Amino acid sequence: MFKLKAFDDPSEKQARIAAIKTALESLPSHINTIRSIRVDANINPTEDWDLILTSEFDTIADVQAYSVHPAHIAVGRELIAPFRQARACVDYEIN
């Protein structure tokens, strides 16, 4: 999950979320270890987090390969980091 910094104009925030969504959801075309990836914006204005990234991988090694892949790093560095206030992550396994 990501919480973005404050924006002067709500439409700027929505545009940033849309750009992040497009970039992250395009990563499977660059990173073959991603089984699925989805980004959704929070629709509840009383909650603190702005968007959630849900992704699936076959193994934790695939997650680790994704995390260091240049395409993933570029999205994080260019589109997320300059606007990110906070990040929370959970890696889990479905049995």
N, C-alpha and C. Protein backbone atom coordinates (compact mmCIF):
# COMPACT_ATOMS: atom_id res chain seq x y z
N MET A 1 0.85 -1.17 0.00
CA MET A 1 0.00 0.00 0.00
C MET A 1 0.89 1.23 0.00
N PHE A 2 0.37 2.27 -0.59
CA PHE A 2 1.10 3.54 -0.63
C PHE A 2 0.20 4.67 -0.16
N LYS A 3 0.79 5.56 0.60
CA LYS A 3 0.16 6.83 0.96
C LYS A 3 0.99 7.89 0.26
N LEU A 4 0.34 8.71 -0.54
CA LEU A 4 1.04 9.76 -1.27
C LEU A 4 1.08 11.05 -0.46
N LYS A 5 2.03 11.88 -0.78
CA LYS A 5 2.13 13.20 -0.16
C LYS A 5 0.91 14.03 -0.55
N ALA A 6 0.69 15.10 0.15
CA ALA A 6 -0.44 15.99 -0.14
C ALA A 6 -0.22 16.69 -1.48
N PHE A 7 -1.30 16.86 -2.21
CA PHE A 7 -1.30 17.59 -3.48
C PHE A 7 -2.17 18.82 -3.32
N ASP A 8 -1.80 19.92 -3.98
CA ASP A 8 -2.60 21.14 -3.92
C ASP A 8 -3.95 20.96 -4.59
N ASP A 9 -3.98 20.15 -5.63
CA ASP A 9 -5.19 19.95 -6.43
C ASP A 9 -5.52 18.46 -6.45
N PRO A 10 -6.73 18.07 -6.05
CA PRO A 10 -7.09 16.64 -6.06
C PRO A 10 -6.93 15.98 -7.44
N SER A 11 -7.10 16.75 -8.50
CA SER A 11 -6.94 16.16 -9.84
C SER A 11 -5.48 15.78 -10.11
N GLU A 12 -4.54 16.50 -9.49
CA GLU A 12 -3.12 16.13 -9.62
C GLU A 12 -2.86 14.78 -8.96
N LYS A 13 -3.48 14.58 -7.81
CA LYS A 13 -3.32 13.30 -7.11
C LYS A 13 -3.91 12.17 -7.94
N GLN A 14 -5.08 12.38 -8.51
CA GLN A 14 -5.70 11.34 -9.33
C GLN A 14 -4.87 11.05 -10.57
N ALA A 15 -4.28 12.06 -11.15
CA ALA A 15 -3.41 11.86 -12.32
C ALA A 15 -2.16 11.06 -11.93
N ARG A 16 -1.60 11.34 -10.75
CA ARG A 16 -0.43 10.60 -10.27
C ARG A 16 -0.78 9.15 -10.04
N ILE A 17 -1.91 8.89 -9.41
CA ILE A 17 -2.36 7.52 -9.16
C ILE A 17 -2.56 6.79 -10.49
N ALA A 18 -3.16 7.45 -11.46
CA ALA A 18 -3.37 6.83 -12.78
C ALA A 18 -2.05 6.50 -13.45
N ALA A 19 -1.07 7.38 -13.35
CA ALA A 19 0.25 7.13 -13.95
C ALA A 19 0.95 5.96 -13.27
N ILE A 20 0.86 5.89 -11.95
CA ILE A 20 1.45 4.78 -11.21
C ILE A 20 0.78 3.47 -11.60
N LYS A 21 -0.54 3.49 -11.66
CA LYS A 21 -1.30 2.29 -12.04
C LYS A 21 -0.88 1.80 -13.42
N THR A 22 -0.83 2.69 -14.39
CA THR A 22 -0.45 2.31 -15.76
C THR A 22 0.95 1.72 -15.79
N ALA A 23 1.88 2.36 -15.12
CA ALA A 23 3.27 1.90 -15.14
C ALA A 23 3.43 0.55 -14.46
N LEU A 24 2.85 0.40 -13.28
CA LEU A 24 2.99 -0.87 -12.57
C LEU A 24 2.30 -2.01 -13.30
N GLU A 25 1.12 -1.74 -13.83
CA GLU A 25 0.38 -2.81 -14.52
C GLU A 25 1.00 -3.17 -15.87
N SER A 26 1.94 -2.37 -16.36
CA SER A 26 2.65 -2.72 -17.59
C SER A 26 3.89 -3.58 -17.33
N LEU A 27 4.27 -3.73 -16.08
CA LEU A 27 5.50 -4.45 -15.76
C LEU A 27 5.55 -5.91 -16.21
N PRO A 28 4.43 -6.65 -16.25
CA PRO A 28 4.53 -8.03 -16.72
C PRO A 28 5.10 -8.17 -18.14
N SER A 29 4.97 -7.14 -18.95
CA SER A 29 5.56 -7.20 -20.30
C SER A 29 7.08 -7.07 -20.27
N HIS A 30 7.62 -6.67 -19.12
CA HIS A 30 9.06 -6.51 -18.95
C HIS A 30 9.67 -7.53 -17.98
N ILE A 31 8.84 -8.04 -17.07
CA ILE A 31 9.34 -8.92 -16.01
C ILE A 31 8.52 -10.22 -16.04
N ASN A 32 9.14 -11.28 -16.50
CA ASN A 32 8.39 -12.51 -16.72
C ASN A 32 8.09 -13.30 -15.44
N THR A 33 8.60 -12.89 -14.29
CA THR A 33 8.28 -13.60 -13.05
C THR A 33 6.96 -13.16 -12.44
N ILE A 34 6.36 -12.10 -12.98
CA ILE A 34 5.07 -11.62 -12.46
C ILE A 34 3.96 -12.48 -13.03
N ARG A 35 3.23 -13.15 -12.16
CA ARG A 35 2.09 -13.96 -12.59
C ARG A 35 0.88 -13.04 -12.85
N SER A 36 0.65 -12.08 -11.93
CA SER A 36 -0.40 -11.07 -12.13
C SER A 36 -0.05 -9.85 -11.29
N ILE A 37 -0.60 -8.71 -11.71
CA ILE A 37 -0.37 -7.47 -10.97
C ILE A 37 -1.59 -6.57 -11.16
N ARG A 38 -1.97 -5.90 -10.08
CA ARG A 38 -3.15 -5.03 -10.12
C ARG A 38 -2.94 -3.87 -9.17
N VAL A 39 -3.36 -2.69 -9.59
CA VAL A 39 -3.26 -1.49 -8.75
C VAL A 39 -4.66 -0.89 -8.66
N ASP A 40 -5.08 -0.60 -7.42
CA ASP A 40 -6.40 0.00 -7.19
C ASP A 40 -6.27 1.20 -6.28
N ALA A 41 -7.04 2.23 -6.59
CA ALA A 41 -7.08 3.44 -5.78
C ALA A 41 -8.11 3.29 -4.67
N ASN A 42 -7.82 3.87 -3.53
CA ASN A 42 -8.75 3.88 -2.41
C ASN A 42 -9.92 4.80 -2.74
N ILE A 43 -11.14 4.31 -2.60
CA ILE A 43 -12.32 5.12 -2.88
C ILE A 43 -12.95 5.71 -1.62
N ASN A 44 -12.38 5.37 -0.45
CA ASN A 44 -12.92 5.83 0.82
C ASN A 44 -12.07 6.99 1.34
N PRO A 45 -12.58 8.22 1.27
CA PRO A 45 -11.78 9.38 1.69
C PRO A 45 -11.48 9.44 3.18
N THR A 46 -12.11 8.61 3.99
CA THR A 46 -11.82 8.62 5.42
C THR A 46 -10.65 7.70 5.78
N GLU A 47 -10.13 6.97 4.82
CA GLU A 47 -8.99 6.07 5.05
C GLU A 47 -7.68 6.77 4.67
N ASP A 48 -6.58 6.31 5.25
CA ASP A 48 -5.28 6.96 5.08
C ASP A 48 -4.52 6.56 3.82
N TRP A 49 -4.66 5.35 3.35
CA TRP A 49 -3.85 4.85 2.23
C TRP A 49 -4.51 5.21 0.91
N ASP A 50 -3.67 5.54 -0.09
CA ASP A 50 -4.19 6.00 -1.38
C ASP A 50 -4.33 4.91 -2.43
N LEU A 51 -3.41 3.96 -2.44
CA LEU A 51 -3.52 2.90 -3.43
C LEU A 51 -2.89 1.62 -2.93
N ILE A 52 -3.31 0.54 -3.57
CA ILE A 52 -2.80 -0.78 -3.19
C ILE A 52 -2.32 -1.50 -4.45
N LEU A 53 -1.20 -2.15 -4.30
CA LEU A 53 -0.63 -2.98 -5.36
C LEU A 53 -0.78 -4.42 -4.90
N THR A 54 -1.45 -5.23 -5.69
CA THR A 54 -1.60 -6.65 -5.41
C THR A 54 -0.95 -7.41 -6.56
N SER A 55 0.01 -8.25 -6.23
CA SER A 55 0.71 -8.99 -7.27
C SER A 55 0.88 -10.44 -6.85
N GLU A 56 1.02 -11.30 -7.84
CA GLU A 56 1.21 -12.73 -7.58
C GLU A 56 2.46 -13.22 -8.30
N PHE A 57 3.18 -14.09 -7.58
CA PHE A 57 4.40 -14.70 -8.08
C PHE A 57 4.36 -16.18 -7.71
N ASP A 58 5.10 -16.98 -8.42
CA ASP A 58 5.14 -18.41 -8.10
C ASP A 58 5.98 -18.71 -6.88
N THR A 59 7.06 -17.96 -6.67
CA THR A 59 7.97 -18.23 -5.55
C THR A 59 8.46 -16.92 -4.95
N ILE A 60 9.01 -17.00 -3.75
CA ILE A 60 9.61 -15.82 -3.14
C ILE A 60 10.84 -15.39 -3.93
N ALA A 61 11.51 -16.32 -4.56
CA ALA A 61 12.65 -15.96 -5.42
C ALA A 61 12.18 -15.10 -6.59
N ASP A 62 10.99 -15.37 -7.11
CA ASP A 62 10.43 -14.55 -8.19
C ASP A 62 10.12 -13.13 -7.68
N VAL A 63 9.64 -13.03 -6.45
CA VAL A 63 9.39 -11.72 -5.84
C VAL A 63 10.71 -10.95 -5.75
N GLN A 64 11.74 -11.63 -5.30
CA GLN A 64 13.05 -10.98 -5.16
C GLN A 64 13.61 -10.56 -6.51
N ALA A 65 13.42 -11.37 -7.54
CA ALA A 65 13.88 -11.00 -8.89
C ALA A 65 13.12 -9.77 -9.39
N TYR A 66 11.83 -9.71 -9.12
CA TYR A 66 11.01 -8.56 -9.48
C TYR A 66 11.50 -7.30 -8.76
N SER A 67 11.82 -7.43 -7.48
CA SER A 67 12.17 -6.26 -6.68
C SER A 67 13.45 -5.58 -7.14
N VAL A 68 14.35 -6.32 -7.79
CA VAL A 68 15.61 -5.72 -8.24
C VAL A 68 15.65 -5.51 -9.76
N HIS A 69 14.57 -5.84 -10.44
CA HIS A 69 14.53 -5.68 -11.90
C HIS A 69 14.58 -4.18 -12.25
N PRO A 70 15.37 -3.80 -13.24
CA PRO A 70 15.49 -2.38 -13.62
C PRO A 70 14.16 -1.71 -13.96
N ALA A 71 13.23 -2.42 -14.58
CA ALA A 71 11.93 -1.82 -14.92
C ALA A 71 11.15 -1.48 -13.66
N HIS A 72 11.18 -2.37 -12.68
CA HIS A 72 10.49 -2.12 -11.41
C HIS A 72 11.16 -0.97 -10.66
N ILE A 73 12.46 -0.98 -10.61
CA ILE A 73 13.20 0.09 -9.93
C ILE A 73 12.92 1.45 -10.57
N ALA A 74 12.84 1.48 -11.89
CA ALA A 74 12.58 2.75 -12.60
C ALA A 74 11.20 3.31 -12.23
N VAL A 75 10.18 2.46 -12.19
CA VAL A 75 8.85 2.93 -11.81
C VAL A 75 8.87 3.49 -10.39
N GLY A 76 9.50 2.76 -9.49
CA GLY A 76 9.58 3.22 -8.11
C GLY A 76 10.31 4.54 -7.97
N ARG A 77 11.43 4.64 -8.63
CA ARG A 77 12.27 5.84 -8.51
C ARG A 77 11.64 7.05 -9.18
N GLU A 78 11.06 6.86 -10.36
CA GLU A 78 10.57 7.99 -11.16
C GLU A 78 9.13 8.39 -10.87
N LEU A 79 8.27 7.40 -10.61
CA LEU A 79 6.84 7.71 -10.48
C LEU A 79 6.29 7.64 -9.07
N ILE A 80 6.94 6.86 -8.21
CA ILE A 80 6.39 6.69 -6.86
C ILE A 80 7.19 7.46 -5.81
N ALA A 81 8.47 7.24 -5.73
CA ALA A 81 9.30 7.81 -4.65
C ALA A 81 9.15 9.32 -4.47
N PRO A 82 9.11 10.12 -5.54
CA PRO A 82 9.00 11.56 -5.33
C PRO A 82 7.67 12.00 -4.69
N PHE A 83 6.67 11.11 -4.72
CA PHE A 83 5.34 11.47 -4.23
C PHE A 83 4.90 10.62 -3.05
N ARG A 84 5.73 9.69 -2.61
CA ARG A 84 5.36 8.73 -1.57
C ARG A 84 5.60 9.31 -0.18
N GLN A 85 4.59 9.20 0.66
CA GLN A 85 4.74 9.56 2.06
C GLN A 85 5.04 8.31 2.89
N ALA A 86 4.35 7.21 2.57
CA ALA A 86 4.53 5.98 3.32
C ALA A 86 4.23 4.77 2.44
N ARG A 87 4.81 3.63 2.85
CA ARG A 87 4.62 2.38 2.12
C ARG A 87 4.48 1.27 3.15
N ALA A 88 3.59 0.33 2.88
CA ALA A 88 3.45 -0.87 3.70
C ALA A 88 3.41 -2.06 2.78
N CYS A 89 4.06 -3.15 3.18
CA CYS A 89 4.14 -4.32 2.32
C CYS A 89 3.97 -5.59 3.14
N VAL A 90 3.27 -6.55 2.57
CA VAL A 90 3.14 -7.89 3.16
C VAL A 90 3.37 -8.89 2.04
N ASP A 91 4.34 -9.78 2.23
CA ASP A 91 4.54 -10.90 1.32
C ASP A 91 3.99 -12.14 2.03
N TYR A 92 3.10 -12.86 1.39
CA TYR A 92 2.48 -14.02 2.02
C TYR A 92 2.33 -15.14 1.02
N GLU A 93 2.09 -16.32 1.54
CA GLU A 93 1.93 -17.50 0.71
C GLU A 93 0.55 -18.07 0.92
N ILE A 94 -0.11 -18.44 -0.15
CA ILE A 94 -1.42 -19.08 -0.07
C ILE A 94 -1.21 -20.59 -0.09
N ASN A 95 -1.71 -21.25 0.91
CA ASN A 95 -1.54 -22.71 0.99
C ASN A 95 -2.79 -23.42 0.53
